[in-house]
Amino acid sequence: MPERLFLVGHAGCGKTRLMEQLIEGLCARGWRVACLKHSPHVHELDKPGKDSHRHRMAGGRLSGVISQGLAAVFVPLAKDEDGFERLAPLYADCDFLLVEGHKKAFGRKLEVYRAELGHAPLAASEEGFWAVVSDDSVEVDVPVWPRSDLDGLLGRVEDLLR
């Protein structure tokens, strides 16, 4: 299974934009990037009433939609099942998996931090952080990488992958 890198931080800190930039930049450098969004909440990912949802509600072990150029699969997970492991065959041909969210993950985590949000950095009190990405002054025991240096960030992520 490819290496996982988790981009975490408080709401509004810029995780999604940085994810977009990392995906674009790494793909431009020739990496095959898989990406997932993690949510700690229970969501119905399919649209109730649509055919795929009705199929699943009728008891289908897997349901999905295939259209021109895109496919989506809804896979039920047991209560404590690792969704990343369950989906691993889908990104087996990728160099690594970039995940937005999942503060409690076991794996390498980059915290995206903005002081103006008024929260203390997660990396100051929690384990498992590889670095903090911020243009603010941050007191943590891991490296702080400038958010404004996208090429530098891309290089550091590439170092992880080598």
C-alpha atoms as a PDB file:
ATOM      1  CA  MET A   1       0.000   0.000   0.000  1.00  0.00           C
ATOM      2  CA  PRO A   2       1.299   3.492  -0.770  1.00  0.00           C
ATOM      3  CA  GLU A   3       2.559   5.817   1.953  1.00  0.00           C
ATOM      4  CA  ARG A   4      -0.155   7.984   3.523  1.00  0.00           C
ATOM      5  CA  LEU A   5       0.271  11.655   4.305  1.00  0.00           C
ATOM      6  CA  PHE A   6      -2.463  13.405   6.282  1.00  0.00           C
ATOM      7  CA  LEU A   7      -3.085  17.156   5.967  1.00  0.00           C
ATOM      8  CA  VAL A   8      -4.840  18.249   9.153  1.00  0.00           C
ATOM      9  CA  GLY A   9      -5.738  21.454  10.930  1.00  0.00           C
ATOM     10  CA  HIS A  10      -8.583  23.504  12.296  1.00  0.00           C
ATOM     11  CA  ALA A  11     -11.508  24.487  10.058  1.00  0.00           C
ATOM     12  CA  GLY A  12     -10.666  27.445   7.846  1.00  0.00           C
ATOM     13  CA  CYS A  13      -6.890  27.011   7.982  1.00  0.00           C
ATOM     14  CA  GLY A  14      -6.492  26.306   4.244  1.00  0.00           C
ATOM     15  CA  LYS A  15      -6.222  22.514   4.070  1.00  0.00           C
ATOM     16  CA  THR A  16      -8.297  22.161   0.917  1.00  0.00           C
ATOM     17  CA  ARG A  17      -6.401  24.819  -1.024  1.00  0.00           C
ATOM     18  CA  LEU A  18      -3.058  23.350   0.018  1.00  0.00           C
ATOM     19  CA  MET A  19      -4.306  19.863  -0.965  1.00  0.00           C
ATOM     20  CA  GLU A  20      -5.182  21.193  -4.418  1.00  0.00           C
ATOM     21  CA  GLN A  21      -1.773  22.803  -4.788  1.00  0.00           C
ATOM     22  CA  LEU A  22       0.113  19.720  -3.595  1.00  0.00           C
ATOM     23  CA  ILE A  23      -1.866  17.424  -5.889  1.00  0.00           C
ATOM     24  CA  GLU A  24      -1.352  19.709  -8.897  1.00  0.00           C
ATOM     25  CA  GLY A  25       2.336  20.216  -8.143  1.00  0.00           C
ATOM     26  CA  LEU A  26       3.141  16.567  -7.454  1.00  0.00           C
ATOM     27  CA  CYS A  27       1.241  15.385 -10.520  1.00  0.00           C
ATOM     28  CA  ALA A  28       3.159  17.923 -12.619  1.00  0.00           C
ATOM     29  CA  ARG A  29       6.376  16.398 -11.250  1.00  0.00           C
ATOM     30  CA  GLY A  30       5.279  12.941 -12.386  1.00  0.00           C
ATOM     31  CA  TRP A  31       3.902  11.449  -9.156  1.00  0.00           C
ATOM     32  CA  ARG A  32       0.731   9.351  -9.195  1.00  0.00           C
ATOM     33  CA  VAL A  33      -1.306  10.830  -6.342  1.00  0.00           C
ATOM     34  CA  ALA A  34      -4.393   9.314  -4.752  1.00  0.00           C
ATOM     35  CA  CYS A  35      -6.420  11.652  -2.577  1.00  0.00           C
ATOM     36  CA  LEU A  36      -9.219  11.216  -0.075  1.00  0.00           C
ATOM     37  CA  LYS A  37     -11.186  13.489   2.226  1.00  0.00           C
ATOM     38  CA  HIS A  38     -11.724  12.155   5.742  1.00  0.00           C
ATOM     39  CA  SER A  39     -14.639  13.255   7.886  1.00  0.00           C
ATOM     40  CA  PRO A  40     -15.071  12.327  11.542  1.00  0.00           C
ATOM     41  CA  HIS A  41     -18.845  12.677  11.142  1.00  0.00           C
ATOM     42  CA  VAL A  42     -21.408  10.172   9.927  1.00  0.00           C
ATOM     43  CA  HIS A  43     -22.549  11.221   6.455  1.00  0.00           C
ATOM     44  CA  GLU A  44     -24.793   9.620   3.899  1.00  0.00           C
ATOM     45  CA  LEU A  45     -22.495   9.902   0.897  1.00  0.00           C
ATOM     46  CA  ASP A  46     -25.060   8.734  -1.626  1.00  0.00           C
ATOM     47  CA  LYS A  47     -28.191  10.724  -2.367  1.00  0.00           C
ATOM     48  CA  PRO A  48     -31.249   9.129  -0.725  1.00  0.00           C
ATOM     49  CA  GLY A  49     -33.853   8.192  -3.299  1.00  0.00           C
ATOM     50  CA  LYS A  50     -31.351   7.772  -6.139  1.00  0.00           C
ATOM     51  CA  ASP A  51     -31.027   4.331  -7.707  1.00  0.00           C
ATOM     52  CA  SER A  52     -27.606   3.541  -6.208  1.00  0.00           C
ATOM     53  CA  HIS A  53     -28.863   4.441  -2.727  1.00  0.00           C
ATOM     54  CA  ARG A  54     -31.986   2.329  -3.204  1.00  0.00           C
ATOM     55  CA  HIS A  55     -29.832  -0.620  -4.335  1.00  0.00           C
ATOM     56  CA  ARG A  56     -27.701  -0.364  -1.187  1.00  0.00           C
ATOM     57  CA  MET A  57     -30.720   0.024   1.079  1.00  0.00           C
ATOM     58  CA  ALA A  58     -32.155  -3.150  -0.488  1.00  0.00           C
ATOM     59  CA  GLY A  59     -29.080  -5.039   0.785  1.00  0.00           C
ATOM     60  CA  GLY A  60     -26.394  -4.660  -1.877  1.00  0.00           C
ATOM     61  CA  ARG A  61     -22.926  -5.247  -0.382  1.00  0.00           C
ATOM     62  CA  LEU A  62     -21.565  -2.574  -2.691  1.00  0.00           C
ATOM     63  CA  SER A  63     -23.327  -0.042  -4.862  1.00  0.00           C
ATOM     64  CA  GLY A  64     -22.119   2.609  -7.218  1.00  0.00           C
ATOM     65  CA  VAL A  65     -22.534   4.735 -10.285  1.00  0.00           C
ATOM     66  CA  ILE A  66     -20.596   4.555 -13.538  1.00  0.00           C
ATOM     67  CA  SER A  67     -20.920   7.374 -16.042  1.00  0.00           C
ATOM     68  CA  GLN A  68     -18.832   8.643 -18.924  1.00  0.00           C
ATOM     69  CA  GLY A  69     -15.376   9.254 -17.479  1.00  0.00           C
ATOM     70  CA  LEU A  70     -16.143   8.796 -13.782  1.00  0.00           C
ATOM     71  CA  ALA A  71     -17.173   6.062 -11.375  1.00  0.00           C
ATOM     72  CA  ALA A  72     -18.156   6.158  -7.713  1.00  0.00           C
ATOM     73  CA  VAL A  73     -18.513   3.188  -5.398  1.00  0.00           C
ATOM     74  CA  PHE A  74     -20.232   3.189  -2.026  1.00  0.00           C
ATOM     75  CA  VAL A  75     -18.710   0.544   0.234  1.00  0.00           C
ATOM     76  CA  PRO A  76     -20.258  -0.110   3.643  1.00  0.00           C
ATOM     77  CA  LEU A  77     -17.753  -0.258   6.503  1.00  0.00           C
ATOM     78  CA  ALA A  78     -18.047  -2.200   9.720  1.00  0.00           C
ATOM     79  CA  LYS A  79     -17.935  -0.068  12.881  1.00  0.00           C
ATOM     80  CA  ASP A  80     -14.173  -0.402  13.500  1.00  0.00           C
ATOM     81  CA  GLU A  81     -13.089  -1.239   9.955  1.00  0.00           C
ATOM     82  CA  ASP A  82     -10.201   0.763   8.489  1.00  0.00           C
ATOM     83  CA  GLY A  83     -11.638   2.483   5.428  1.00  0.00           C
ATOM     84  CA  PHE A  84      -8.151   3.181   4.079  1.00  0.00           C
ATOM     85  CA  GLU A  85      -7.333  -0.530   4.110  1.00  0.00           C
ATOM     86  CA  ARG A  86     -10.691  -1.394   2.561  1.00  0.00           C
ATOM     87  CA  LEU A  87     -10.127   1.044  -0.318  1.00  0.00           C
ATOM     88  CA  ALA A  88      -6.409   0.231  -0.746  1.00  0.00           C
ATOM     89  CA  PRO A  89      -6.874  -1.820  -3.939  1.00  0.00           C
ATOM     90  CA  LEU A  90      -8.326   1.274  -5.610  1.00  0.00           C
ATOM     91  CA  TYR A  91      -5.127   3.285  -5.149  1.00  0.00           C
ATOM     92  CA  ALA A  92      -2.602   0.462  -5.303  1.00  0.00           C
ATOM     93  CA  ASP A  93      -1.097   1.846  -8.526  1.00  0.00           C
ATOM     94  CA  CYS A  94      -0.456   5.268  -6.951  1.00  0.00           C
ATOM     95  CA  ASP A  95       2.808   6.444  -5.416  1.00  0.00           C
ATOM     96  CA  PHE A  96       1.130   7.721  -2.272  1.00  0.00           C
ATOM     97  CA  LEU A  97      -2.161   8.694  -0.699  1.00  0.00           C
ATOM     98  CA  LEU A  98      -2.779  12.289   0.366  1.00  0.00           C
ATOM     99  CA  VAL A  99      -5.635  12.576   2.888  1.00  0.00           C
ATOM    100  CA  GLU A 100      -7.349  15.803   3.894  1.00  0.00           C
ATOM    101  CA  GLY A 101      -8.361  15.556   7.522  1.00  0.00           C
ATOM    102  CA  HIS A 102      -8.189  12.786  10.133  1.00  0.00           C
ATOM    103  CA  LYS A 103      -6.448  14.412  13.097  1.00  0.00           C
ATOM    104  CA  LYS A 104      -6.426  11.097  14.993  1.00  0.00           C
ATOM    105  CA  ALA A 105      -4.756   9.135  12.182  1.00  0.00           C
ATOM    106  CA  PHE A 106      -1.756   6.925  12.679  1.00  0.00           C
ATOM    107  CA  GLY A 107       0.715   8.062  10.065  1.00  0.00           C
ATOM    108  CA  ARG A 108       2.595  11.130   8.976  1.00  0.00           C
ATOM    109  CA  LYS A 109       0.648  14.299   9.555  1.00  0.00           C
ATOM    110  CA  LEU A 110       1.260  17.811   8.305  1.00  0.00           C
ATOM    111  CA  GLU A 111      -0.614  20.484  10.218  1.00  0.00           C
ATOM    112  CA  VAL A 112      -1.794  23.490   8.238  1.00  0.00           C
ATOM    113  CA  TYR A 113      -1.848  26.342  10.750  1.00  0.00           C
ATOM    114  CA  ARG A 114      -3.102  29.943  10.756  1.00  0.00           C
ATOM    115  CA  ALA A 115      -2.669  31.905  13.995  1.00  0.00           C
ATOM    116  CA  GLU A 116      -5.509  34.312  13.114  1.00  0.00           C
ATOM    117  CA  LEU A 117      -8.026  31.502  13.760  1.00  0.00           C
ATOM    118  CA  GLY A 118      -7.190  31.742  17.479  1.00  0.00           C
ATOM    119  CA  HIS A 119      -6.427  28.054  18.114  1.00  0.00           C
ATOM    120  CA  ALA A 120      -3.232  26.609  19.499  1.00  0.00           C
ATOM    121  CA  PRO A 121      -1.356  24.421  17.014  1.00  0.00           C
ATOM    122  CA  LEU A 122      -2.343  20.749  17.231  1.00  0.00           C
ATOM    123  CA  ALA A 123       1.321  19.764  16.951  1.00  0.00           C
ATOM    124  CA  ALA A 124       2.053  21.579  20.218  1.00  0.00           C
ATOM    125  CA  SER A 125       0.045  19.056  22.237  1.00  0.00           C
ATOM    126  CA  GLU A 126      -0.429  15.951  20.077  1.00  0.00           C
ATOM    127  CA  GLU A 127       1.870  13.243  18.739  1.00  0.00           C
ATOM    128  CA  GLY A 128       2.480  12.099  15.183  1.00  0.00           C
ATOM    129  CA  PHE A 129       3.143  15.364  13.413  1.00  0.00           C
ATOM    130  CA  TRP A 130       5.822  15.451  10.752  1.00  0.00           C
ATOM    131  CA  ALA A 131       5.781  19.243  10.358  1.00  0.00           C
ATOM    132  CA  VAL A 132       3.616  22.360  10.559  1.00  0.00           C
ATOM    133  CA  VAL A 133       2.905  24.360   7.411  1.00  0.00           C
ATOM    134  CA  SER A 134       2.432  28.029   8.256  1.00  0.00           C
ATOM    135  CA  ASP A 135       3.648  31.524   7.501  1.00  0.00           C
ATOM    136  CA  ASP A 136       3.050  32.425  11.157  1.00  0.00           C
ATOM    137  CA  SER A 137       5.490  32.108  14.030  1.00  0.00           C
ATOM    138  CA  VAL A 138       4.712  28.753  15.664  1.00  0.00           C
ATOM    139  CA  GLU A 139       6.214  27.223  18.823  1.00  0.00           C
ATOM    140  CA  VAL A 140       6.279  23.455  18.217  1.00  0.00           C
ATOM    141  CA  ASP A 141       8.825  20.626  18.442  1.00  0.00           C
ATOM    142  CA  VAL A 142       8.593  19.749  14.733  1.00  0.00           C
ATOM    143  CA  PRO A 143       9.830  21.686  11.709  1.00  0.00           C
ATOM    144  CA  VAL A 144       7.744  24.647  10.531  1.00  0.00           C
ATOM    145  CA  TRP A 145       7.637  24.970   6.757  1.00  0.00           C
ATOM    146  CA  PRO A 146       6.573  28.230   5.112  1.00  0.00           C
ATOM    147  CA  ARG A 147       3.127  27.986   3.517  1.00  0.00           C
ATOM    148  CA  SER A 148       4.171  30.566   0.945  1.00  0.00           C
ATOM    149  CA  ASP A 149       7.015  28.319  -0.330  1.00  0.00           C
ATOM    150  CA  LEU A 150       5.039  25.809  -2.406  1.00  0.00           C
ATOM    151  CA  ASP A 151       8.121  24.550  -4.278  1.00  0.00           C
ATOM    152  CA  GLY A 152       9.843  23.905  -0.950  1.00  0.00           C
ATOM    153  CA  LEU A 153       6.794  22.042   0.358  1.00  0.00           C
ATOM    154  CA  LEU A 154       6.627  19.942  -2.785  1.00  0.00           C
ATOM    155  CA  GLY A 155      10.308  19.074  -2.379  1.00  0.00           C
ATOM    156  CA  ARG A 156       9.821  18.049   1.245  1.00  0.00           C
ATOM    157  CA  VAL A 157       6.878  15.822   0.361  1.00  0.00           C
ATOM    158  CA  GLU A 158       8.924  14.297  -2.437  1.00  0.00           C
ATOM    159  CA  ASP A 159      11.696  13.582   0.096  1.00  0.00           C
ATOM    160  CA  LEU A 160       9.148  11.594   2.109  1.00  0.00           C
ATOM    161  CA  LEU A 161       8.277   9.561  -0.974  1.00  0.00           C
ATOM    162  CA  ARG A 162      11.849   8.667  -1.901  1.00  0.00           C
END
